[in-house]
Amino acid sequence: FLPGGAALASGVGEVLQPVDLPPVPLVLLNPGVEVSAAD
């Protein structure tokens, strides 16, 4: 989240390869469930 822009992430997420991604409209939907990332 520091440089901004889309990126292909590898390693544990810290190896970032910038990706030229056009604006893409989308819809987000959350059913009210909390999920632990560790789980």
ModelCIF file with pLDDT and N, C-alpha, C, O atoms, coordinates in Angstrom:
data_MODEL
#
_entry.id   MODEL 
#
_entity.id                         1 
_entity.type                       polymer 
_entity.pdbx_number_of_molecules   1 
#
_entity_poly.entity_id                      1 
_entity_poly.type                           'polypeptide(L)' 
_entity_poly.nstd_linkage                   no 
_entity_poly.nstd_monomer                   no 
_entity_poly.pdbx_seq_one_letter_code       FLPGGAALASGVGEVLQPVDLPPVPLVLLNPGVEVSAAD 
_entity_poly.pdbx_seq_one_letter_code_can   FLPGGAALASGVGEVLQPVDLPPVPLVLLNPGVEVSAAD 
_entity_poly.pdbx_strand_id                 A 
#
loop_
_entity_poly_seq.entity_id 
_entity_poly_seq.num 
_entity_poly_seq.mon_id 
_entity_poly_seq.hetero 
1 1  PHE n 
1 2  LEU n 
1 3  PRO n 
1 4  GLY n 
1 5  GLY n 
1 6  ALA n 
1 7  ALA n 
1 8  LEU n 
1 9  ALA n 
1 10 SER n 
1 11 GLY n 
1 12 VAL n 
1 13 GLY n 
1 14 GLU n 
1 15 VAL n 
1 16 LEU n 
1 17 GLN n 
1 18 PRO n 
1 19 VAL n 
1 20 ASP n 
1 21 LEU n 
1 22 PRO n 
1 23 PRO n 
1 24 VAL n 
1 25 PRO n 
1 26 LEU n 
1 27 VAL n 
1 28 LEU n 
1 29 LEU n 
1 30 ASN n 
1 31 PRO n 
1 32 GLY n 
1 33 VAL n 
1 34 GLU n 
1 35 VAL n 
1 36 SER n 
1 37 ALA n 
1 38 ALA n 
1 39 ASP n 
#
_struct_asym.id          A 
_struct_asym.entity_id   1 
#
loop_
_ma_qa_metric.id 
_ma_qa_metric.mode 
_ma_qa_metric.name 
_ma_qa_metric.software_group_id 
_ma_qa_metric.type 
1 global pLDDT . pLDDT 
2 local  pLDDT . pLDDT 
#
_ma_qa_metric_global.metric_id      1 
_ma_qa_metric_global.metric_value   91.31 
_ma_qa_metric_global.model_id       1 
_ma_qa_metric_global.ordinal_id     1 
#
loop_
_ma_qa_metric_local.label_asym_id 
_ma_qa_metric_local.label_comp_id 
_ma_qa_metric_local.label_seq_id 
_ma_qa_metric_local.metric_id 
_ma_qa_metric_local.metric_value 
_ma_qa_metric_local.model_id 
_ma_qa_metric_local.ordinal_id 
A PHE 1  2 94.00 1 1  
A LEU 2  2 94.00 1 2  
A PRO 3  2 86.00 1 3  
A GLY 4  2 80.00 1 4  
A GLY 5  2 89.00 1 5  
A ALA 6  2 94.00 1 6  
A ALA 7  2 94.00 1 7  
A LEU 8  2 94.00 1 8  
A ALA 9  2 92.00 1 9  
A SER 10 2 90.00 1 10 
A GLY 11 2 85.00 1 11 
A VAL 12 2 77.00 1 12 
A GLY 13 2 73.00 1 13 
A GLU 14 2 81.00 1 14 
A VAL 15 2 89.00 1 15 
A LEU 16 2 92.00 1 16 
A GLN 17 2 93.00 1 17 
A PRO 18 2 94.00 1 18 
A VAL 19 2 94.00 1 19 
A ASP 20 2 92.00 1 20 
A LEU 21 2 90.00 1 21 
A PRO 22 2 86.00 1 22 
A PRO 23 2 92.00 1 23 
A VAL 24 2 95.00 1 24 
A PRO 25 2 97.00 1 25 
A LEU 26 2 98.00 1 26 
A VAL 27 2 98.00 1 27 
A LEU 28 2 98.00 1 28 
A LEU 29 2 98.00 1 29 
A ASN 30 2 98.00 1 30 
A PRO 31 2 97.00 1 31 
A GLY 32 2 95.00 1 32 
A VAL 33 2 94.00 1 33 
A GLU 34 2 92.00 1 34 
A VAL 35 2 94.00 1 35 
A SER 36 2 91.00 1 36 
A ALA 37 2 88.00 1 37 
A ALA 38 2 89.00 1 38 
A ASP 39 2 94.00 1 39 
#
loop_
_atom_site.group_PDB 
_atom_site.id 
_atom_site.type_symbol 
_atom_site.label_atom_id 
_atom_site.label_alt_id 
_atom_site.label_comp_id 
_atom_site.label_asym_id 
_atom_site.label_entity_id 
_atom_site.label_seq_id 
_atom_site.pdbx_PDB_ins_code 
_atom_site.Cartn_x 
_atom_site.Cartn_y 
_atom_site.Cartn_z 
_atom_site.occupancy 
_atom_site.B_iso_or_equiv 
_atom_site.pdbx_formal_charge 
_atom_site.auth_seq_id 
_atom_site.auth_comp_id 
_atom_site.auth_asym_id 
_atom_site.auth_atom_id 
_atom_site.pdbx_PDB_model_num 
ATOM 1   N N  . PHE A 1 1  ? 0.798   -1.216  0.000   1.00 94.00 ? 1  PHE A N  1 
ATOM 2   C CA . PHE A 1 1  ? 0.000   0.000   0.000   1.00 94.00 ? 1  PHE A CA 1 
ATOM 3   C C  . PHE A 1 1  ? 0.838   1.278   0.000   1.00 94.00 ? 1  PHE A C  1 
ATOM 4   O O  . PHE A 1 1  ? 0.279   2.374   -0.014  1.00 94.00 ? 1  PHE A O  1 
ATOM 5   N N  . LEU A 1 2  ? 2.146   1.162   0.015   1.00 94.00 ? 2  LEU A N  1 
ATOM 6   C CA . LEU A 1 2  ? 2.993   2.358   -0.001  1.00 94.00 ? 2  LEU A CA 1 
ATOM 7   C C  . LEU A 1 2  ? 3.094   2.997   -1.388  1.00 94.00 ? 2  LEU A C  1 
ATOM 8   O O  . LEU A 1 2  ? 2.811   4.189   -1.510  1.00 94.00 ? 2  LEU A O  1 
ATOM 9   N N  . PRO A 1 3  ? 3.484   2.267   -2.442  1.00 86.00 ? 3  PRO A N  1 
ATOM 10  C CA . PRO A 1 3  ? 3.663   2.928   -3.739  1.00 86.00 ? 3  PRO A CA 1 
ATOM 11  C C  . PRO A 1 3  ? 2.356   3.167   -4.480  1.00 86.00 ? 3  PRO A C  1 
ATOM 12  O O  . PRO A 1 3  ? 2.275   4.089   -5.292  1.00 86.00 ? 3  PRO A O  1 
ATOM 13  N N  . GLY A 1 4  ? 1.334   2.363   -4.221  1.00 80.00 ? 4  GLY A N  1 
ATOM 14  C CA . GLY A 1 4  ? 0.086   2.501   -4.959  1.00 80.00 ? 4  GLY A CA 1 
ATOM 15  C C  . GLY A 1 4  ? 0.140   1.749   -6.270  1.00 80.00 ? 4  GLY A C  1 
ATOM 16  O O  . GLY A 1 4  ? 1.219   1.471   -6.793  1.00 80.00 ? 4  GLY A O  1 
ATOM 17  N N  . GLY A 1 5  ? -1.023  1.421   -6.798  1.00 89.00 ? 5  GLY A N  1 
ATOM 18  C CA . GLY A 1 5  ? -1.093  0.714   -8.065  1.00 89.00 ? 5  GLY A CA 1 
ATOM 19  C C  . GLY A 1 5  ? -1.121  -0.789  -7.880  1.00 89.00 ? 5  GLY A C  1 
ATOM 20  O O  . GLY A 1 5  ? -0.699  -1.316  -6.850  1.00 89.00 ? 5  GLY A O  1 
ATOM 21  N N  . ALA A 1 6  ? -1.629  -1.472  -8.904  1.00 94.00 ? 6  ALA A N  1 
ATOM 22  C CA . ALA A 1 6  ? -1.700  -2.926  -8.865  1.00 94.00 ? 6  ALA A CA 1 
ATOM 23  C C  . ALA A 1 6  ? -0.305  -3.530  -8.900  1.00 94.00 ? 6  ALA A C  1 
ATOM 24  O O  . ALA A 1 6  ? 0.629   -2.943  -9.448  1.00 94.00 ? 6  ALA A O  1 
ATOM 25  N N  . ALA A 1 7  ? -0.179  -4.715  -8.306  1.00 94.00 ? 7  ALA A N  1 
ATOM 26  C CA . ALA A 1 7  ? 1.120   -5.384  -8.292  1.00 94.00 ? 7  ALA A CA 1 
ATOM 27  C C  . ALA A 1 7  ? 0.928   -6.885  -8.171  1.00 94.00 ? 7  ALA A C  1 
ATOM 28  O O  . ALA A 1 7  ? 0.000   -7.358  -7.516  1.00 94.00 ? 7  ALA A O  1 
ATOM 29  N N  . LEU A 1 8  ? 1.812   -7.619  -8.807  1.00 94.00 ? 8  LEU A N  1 
ATOM 30  C CA . LEU A 1 8  ? 1.891   -9.061  -8.608  1.00 94.00 ? 8  LEU A CA 1 
ATOM 31  C C  . LEU A 1 8  ? 2.799   -9.279  -7.409  1.00 94.00 ? 8  LEU A C  1 
ATOM 32  O O  . LEU A 1 8  ? 3.974   -8.911  -7.434  1.00 94.00 ? 8  LEU A O  1 
ATOM 33  N N  . ALA A 1 9  ? 2.253   -9.875  -6.369  1.00 92.00 ? 9  ALA A N  1 
ATOM 34  C CA . ALA A 1 9  ? 2.987   -10.036 -5.118  1.00 92.00 ? 9  ALA A CA 1 
ATOM 35  C C  . ALA A 1 9  ? 3.466   -11.477 -4.968  1.00 92.00 ? 9  ALA A C  1 
ATOM 36  O O  . ALA A 1 9  ? 2.714   -12.424 -5.199  1.00 92.00 ? 9  ALA A O  1 
ATOM 37  N N  . SER A 1 10 ? 4.720   -11.622 -4.579  1.00 90.00 ? 10 SER A N  1 
ATOM 38  C CA . SER A 1 10 ? 5.267   -12.936 -4.295  1.00 90.00 ? 10 SER A CA 1 
ATOM 39  C C  . SER A 1 10 ? 6.046   -12.858 -2.986  1.00 90.00 ? 10 SER A C  1 
ATOM 40  O O  . SER A 1 10 ? 5.975   -11.857 -2.274  1.00 90.00 ? 10 SER A O  1 
ATOM 41  N N  . GLY A 1 11 ? 6.793   -13.927 -2.672  1.00 85.00 ? 11 GLY A N  1 
ATOM 42  C CA . GLY A 1 11 ? 7.383   -14.000 -1.344  1.00 85.00 ? 11 GLY A CA 1 
ATOM 43  C C  . GLY A 1 11 ? 6.264   -14.147 -0.331  1.00 85.00 ? 11 GLY A C  1 
ATOM 44  O O  . GLY A 1 11 ? 5.335   -14.926 -0.544  1.00 85.00 ? 11 GLY A O  1 
ATOM 45  N N  . VAL A 1 12 ? 6.337   -13.414 0.763   1.00 77.00 ? 12 VAL A N  1 
ATOM 46  C CA . VAL A 1 12 ? 5.224   -13.398 1.721   1.00 77.00 ? 12 VAL A CA 1 
ATOM 47  C C  . VAL A 1 12 ? 4.270   -12.244 1.407   1.00 77.00 ? 12 VAL A C  1 
ATOM 48  O O  . VAL A 1 12 ? 3.362   -11.939 2.181   1.00 77.00 ? 12 VAL A O  1 
ATOM 49  N N  . GLY A 1 13 ? 4.498   -11.608 0.249   1.00 73.00 ? 13 GLY A N  1 
ATOM 50  C CA . GLY A 1 13 ? 3.695   -10.472 -0.165  1.00 73.00 ? 13 GLY A CA 1 
ATOM 51  C C  . GLY A 1 13 ? 4.508   -9.211  -0.320  1.00 73.00 ? 13 GLY A C  1 
ATOM 52  O O  . GLY A 1 13 ? 3.994   -8.176  -0.744  1.00 73.00 ? 13 GLY A O  1 
ATOM 53  N N  . GLU A 1 14 ? 5.804   -9.301  0.033   1.00 81.00 ? 14 GLU A N  1 
ATOM 54  C CA . GLU A 1 14 ? 6.649   -8.108  0.039   1.00 81.00 ? 14 GLU A CA 1 
ATOM 55  C C  . GLU A 1 14 ? 7.393   -7.898  -1.279  1.00 81.00 ? 14 GLU A C  1 
ATOM 56  O O  . GLU A 1 14 ? 7.917   -6.809  -1.518  1.00 81.00 ? 14 GLU A O  1 
ATOM 57  N N  . VAL A 1 15 ? 7.452   -8.919  -2.141  1.00 89.00 ? 15 VAL A N  1 
ATOM 58  C CA . VAL A 1 15 ? 8.112   -8.794  -3.444  1.00 89.00 ? 15 VAL A CA 1 
ATOM 59  C C  . VAL A 1 15 ? 7.060   -8.360  -4.452  1.00 89.00 ? 15 VAL A C  1 
ATOM 60  O O  . VAL A 1 15 ? 6.182   -9.143  -4.812  1.00 89.00 ? 15 VAL A O  1 
ATOM 61  N N  . LEU A 1 16 ? 7.145   -7.114  -4.910  1.00 92.00 ? 16 LEU A N  1 
ATOM 62  C CA . LEU A 1 16 ? 6.065   -6.506  -5.686  1.00 92.00 ? 16 LEU A CA 1 
ATOM 63  C C  . LEU A 1 16 ? 6.536   -6.169  -7.096  1.00 92.00 ? 16 LEU A C  1 
ATOM 64  O O  . LEU A 1 16 ? 7.532   -5.473  -7.293  1.00 92.00 ? 16 LEU A O  1 
ATOM 65  N N  . GLN A 1 17 ? 5.796   -6.680  -8.063  1.00 93.00 ? 17 GLN A N  1 
ATOM 66  C CA . GLN A 1 17 ? 6.055   -6.375  -9.469  1.00 93.00 ? 17 GLN A CA 1 
ATOM 67  C C  . GLN A 1 17 ? 4.884   -5.536  -9.982  1.00 93.00 ? 17 GLN A C  1 
ATOM 68  O O  . GLN A 1 17 ? 3.776   -6.058  -10.099 1.00 93.00 ? 17 GLN A O  1 
ATOM 69  N N  . PRO A 1 18 ? 5.095   -4.247  -10.294 1.00 94.00 ? 18 PRO A N  1 
ATOM 70  C CA . PRO A 1 18 ? 3.984   -3.403  -10.763 1.00 94.00 ? 18 PRO A CA 1 
ATOM 71  C C  . PRO A 1 18 ? 3.295   -4.007  -11.984 1.00 94.00 ? 18 PRO A C  1 
ATOM 72  O O  . PRO A 1 18 ? 3.941   -4.576  -12.864 1.00 94.00 ? 18 PRO A O  1 
ATOM 73  N N  . VAL A 1 19 ? 1.977   -3.870  -12.016 1.00 94.00 ? 19 VAL A N  1 
ATOM 74  C CA . VAL A 1 19 ? 1.161   -4.376  -13.117 1.00 94.00 ? 19 VAL A CA 1 
ATOM 75  C C  . VAL A 1 19 ? 0.324   -3.230  -13.667 1.00 94.00 ? 19 VAL A C  1 
ATOM 76  O O  . VAL A 1 19 ? -0.336  -2.520  -12.908 1.00 94.00 ? 19 VAL A O  1 
ATOM 77  N N  . ASP A 1 20 ? 0.350   -3.049  -14.970 1.00 92.00 ? 20 ASP A N  1 
ATOM 78  C CA . ASP A 1 20 ? -0.451  -2.008  -15.614 1.00 92.00 ? 20 ASP A CA 1 
ATOM 79  C C  . ASP A 1 20 ? -1.872  -2.523  -15.779 1.00 92.00 ? 20 ASP A C  1 
ATOM 80  O O  . ASP A 1 20 ? -2.173  -3.267  -16.712 1.00 92.00 ? 20 ASP A O  1 
ATOM 81  N N  . LEU A 1 21 ? -2.733  -2.119  -14.867 1.00 90.00 ? 21 LEU A N  1 
ATOM 82  C CA . LEU A 1 21 ? -4.110  -2.610  -14.844 1.00 90.00 ? 21 LEU A CA 1 
ATOM 83  C C  . LEU A 1 21 ? -5.065  -1.456  -15.122 1.00 90.00 ? 21 LEU A C  1 
ATOM 84  O O  . LEU A 1 21 ? -4.996  -0.434  -14.439 1.00 90.00 ? 21 LEU A O  1 
ATOM 85  N N  . PRO A 1 22 ? -5.957  -1.590  -16.108 1.00 86.00 ? 22 PRO A N  1 
ATOM 86  C CA . PRO A 1 22 ? -6.904  -0.508  -16.373 1.00 86.00 ? 22 PRO A CA 1 
ATOM 87  C C  . PRO A 1 22 ? -7.949  -0.423  -15.273 1.00 86.00 ? 22 PRO A C  1 
ATOM 88  O O  . PRO A 1 22 ? -8.139  -1.390  -14.535 1.00 86.00 ? 22 PRO A O  1 
ATOM 89  N N  . PRO A 1 23 ? -8.637  0.720   -15.143 1.00 92.00 ? 23 PRO A N  1 
ATOM 90  C CA . PRO A 1 23 ? -9.745  0.801   -14.176 1.00 92.00 ? 23 PRO A CA 1 
ATOM 91  C C  . PRO A 1 23 ? -10.812 -0.243  -14.507 1.00 92.00 ? 23 PRO A C  1 
ATOM 92  O O  . PRO A 1 23 ? -11.261 -0.344  -15.648 1.00 92.00 ? 23 PRO A O  1 
ATOM 93  N N  . VAL A 1 24 ? -11.206 -1.004  -13.513 1.00 95.00 ? 24 VAL A N  1 
ATOM 94  C CA . VAL A 1 24 ? -12.196 -2.060  -13.698 1.00 95.00 ? 24 VAL A CA 1 
ATOM 95  C C  . VAL A 1 24 ? -13.324 -1.847  -12.693 1.00 95.00 ? 24 VAL A C  1 
ATOM 96  O O  . VAL A 1 24 ? -13.078 -1.912  -11.489 1.00 95.00 ? 24 VAL A O  1 
ATOM 97  N N  . PRO A 1 25 ? -14.559 -1.594  -13.148 1.00 97.00 ? 25 PRO A N  1 
ATOM 98  C CA . PRO A 1 25 ? -15.670 -1.441  -12.211 1.00 97.00 ? 25 PRO A CA 1 
ATOM 99  C C  . PRO A 1 25 ? -16.046 -2.785  -11.596 1.00 97.00 ? 25 PRO A C  1 
ATOM 100 O O  . PRO A 1 25 ? -15.984 -3.822  -12.257 1.00 97.00 ? 25 PRO A O  1 
ATOM 101 N N  . LEU A 1 26 ? -16.430 -2.755  -10.338 1.00 98.00 ? 26 LEU A N  1 
ATOM 102 C CA . LEU A 1 26 ? -16.775 -3.996  -9.647  1.00 98.00 ? 26 LEU A CA 1 
ATOM 103 C C  . LEU A 1 26 ? -17.717 -3.696  -8.488  1.00 98.00 ? 26 LEU A C  1 
ATOM 104 O O  . LEU A 1 26 ? -17.961 -2.540  -8.141  1.00 98.00 ? 26 LEU A O  1 
ATOM 105 N N  . VAL A 1 27 ? -18.236 -4.761  -7.904  1.00 98.00 ? 27 VAL A N  1 
ATOM 106 C CA . VAL A 1 27 ? -19.106 -4.654  -6.731  1.00 98.00 ? 27 VAL A CA 1 
ATOM 107 C C  . VAL A 1 27 ? -18.544 -5.542  -5.631  1.00 98.00 ? 27 VAL A C  1 
ATOM 108 O O  . VAL A 1 27 ? -18.166 -6.688  -5.875  1.00 98.00 ? 27 VAL A O  1 
ATOM 109 N N  . LEU A 1 28 ? -18.493 -5.002  -4.422  1.00 98.00 ? 28 LEU A N  1 
ATOM 110 C CA . LEU A 1 28 ? -18.029 -5.728  -3.239  1.00 98.00 ? 28 LEU A CA 1 
ATOM 111 C C  . LEU A 1 28 ? -19.230 -6.085  -2.377  1.00 98.00 ? 28 LEU A C  1 
ATOM 112 O O  . LEU A 1 28 ? -20.135 -5.271  -2.193  1.00 98.00 ? 28 LEU A O  1 
ATOM 113 N N  . LEU A 1 29 ? -19.236 -7.306  -1.850  1.00 98.00 ? 29 LEU A N  1 
ATOM 114 C CA . LEU A 1 29 ? -20.358 -7.759  -1.029  1.00 98.00 ? 29 LEU A CA 1 
ATOM 115 C C  . LEU A 1 29 ? -19.814 -8.567  0.147   1.00 98.00 ? 29 LEU A C  1 
ATOM 116 O O  . LEU A 1 29 ? -19.081 -9.540  -0.033  1.00 98.00 ? 29 LEU A O  1 
ATOM 117 N N  . ASN A 1 30 ? -20.187 -8.143  1.353   1.00 98.00 ? 30 ASN A N  1 
ATOM 118 C CA . ASN A 1 30 ? -19.740 -8.827  2.562   1.00 98.00 ? 30 ASN A CA 1 
ATOM 119 C C  . ASN A 1 30 ? -20.968 -9.288  3.351   1.00 98.00 ? 30 ASN A C  1 
ATOM 120 O O  . ASN A 1 30 ? -21.817 -8.472  3.711   1.00 98.00 ? 30 ASN A O  1 
ATOM 121 N N  . PRO A 1 31 ? -21.064 -10.602 3.622   1.00 97.00 ? 31 PRO A N  1 
ATOM 122 C CA . PRO A 1 31 ? -22.261 -11.140 4.285   1.00 97.00 ? 31 PRO A CA 1 
ATOM 123 C C  . PRO A 1 31 ? -22.270 -11.013 5.799   1.00 97.00 ? 31 PRO A C  1 
ATOM 124 O O  . PRO A 1 31 ? -23.079 -11.657 6.467   1.00 97.00 ? 31 PRO A O  1 
ATOM 125 N N  . GLY A 1 32 ? -21.379 -10.189 6.353   1.00 95.00 ? 32 GLY A N  1 
ATOM 126 C CA . GLY A 1 32 ? -21.392 -9.975  7.795   1.00 95.00 ? 32 GLY A CA 1 
ATOM 127 C C  . GLY A 1 32 ? -20.672 -11.047 8.579   1.00 95.00 ? 32 GLY A C  1 
ATOM 128 O O  . GLY A 1 32 ? -20.920 -11.214 9.773   1.00 95.00 ? 32 GLY A O  1 
ATOM 129 N N  . VAL A 1 33 ? -19.790 -11.772 7.931   1.00 94.00 ? 33 VAL A N  1 
ATOM 130 C CA . VAL A 1 33 ? -19.004 -12.821 8.577   1.00 94.00 ? 33 VAL A CA 1 
ATOM 131 C C  . VAL A 1 33 ? -17.570 -12.338 8.727   1.00 94.00 ? 33 VAL A C  1 
ATOM 132 O O  . VAL A 1 33 ? -16.982 -11.847 7.763   1.00 94.00 ? 33 VAL A O  1 
ATOM 133 N N  . GLU A 1 34 ? -16.996 -12.469 9.918   1.00 92.00 ? 34 GLU A N  1 
ATOM 134 C CA . GLU A 1 34 ? -15.592 -12.134 10.124  1.00 92.00 ? 34 GLU A CA 1 
ATOM 135 C C  . GLU A 1 34 ? -14.758 -13.406 10.017  1.00 92.00 ? 34 GLU A C  1 
ATOM 136 O O  . GLU A 1 34 ? -15.070 -14.418 10.644  1.00 92.00 ? 34 GLU A O  1 
ATOM 137 N N  . VAL A 1 35 ? -13.704 -13.345 9.226   1.00 94.00 ? 35 VAL A N  1 
ATOM 138 C CA . VAL A 1 35 ? -12.834 -14.500 9.013   1.00 94.00 ? 35 VAL A CA 1 
ATOM 139 C C  . VAL A 1 35 ? -11.426 -14.138 9.461   1.00 94.00 ? 35 VAL A C  1 
ATOM 140 O O  . VAL A 1 35 ? -10.856 -13.151 8.995   1.00 94.00 ? 35 VAL A O  1 
ATOM 141 N N  . SER A 1 36 ? -10.875 -14.920 10.349  1.00 91.00 ? 36 SER A N  1 
ATOM 142 C CA . SER A 1 36 ? -9.494  -14.723 10.782  1.00 91.00 ? 36 SER A CA 1 
ATOM 143 C C  . SER A 1 36 ? -8.556  -15.184 9.671   1.00 91.00 ? 36 SER A C  1 
ATOM 144 O O  . SER A 1 36 ? -8.671  -16.309 9.185   1.00 91.00 ? 36 SER A O  1 
ATOM 145 N N  . ALA A 1 37 ? -7.627  -14.313 9.269   1.00 88.00 ? 37 ALA A N  1 
ATOM 146 C CA . ALA A 1 37 ? -6.653  -14.688 8.250   1.00 88.00 ? 37 ALA A CA 1 
ATOM 147 C C  . ALA A 1 37 ? -5.834  -15.891 8.708   1.00 88.00 ? 37 ALA A C  1 
ATOM 148 O O  . ALA A 1 37 ? -5.505  -16.764 7.905   1.00 88.00 ? 37 ALA A O  1 
ATOM 149 N N  . ALA A 1 38 ? -5.504  -15.936 9.998   1.00 89.00 ? 38 ALA A N  1 
ATOM 150 C CA . ALA A 1 38 ? -4.721  -17.067 10.519  1.00 89.00 ? 38 ALA A CA 1 
ATOM 151 C C  . ALA A 1 38 ? -5.485  -18.368 10.330  1.00 89.00 ? 38 ALA A C  1 
ATOM 152 O O  . ALA A 1 38 ? -4.897  -19.388 9.970   1.00 89.00 ? 38 ALA A O  1 
ATOM 153 N N  . ASP A 1 39 ? -6.799  -18.340 10.572  1.00 94.00 ? 39 ASP A N  1 
ATOM 154 C CA . ASP A 1 39 ? -7.615  -19.540 10.370  1.00 94.00 ? 39 ASP A CA 1 
ATOM 155 C C  . ASP A 1 39 ? -7.645  -19.931 8.899   1.00 94.00 ? 39 ASP A C  1 
ATOM 156 O O  . ASP A 1 39 ? -8.283  -20.919 8.536   1.00 94.00 ? 39 ASP A O  1 
#
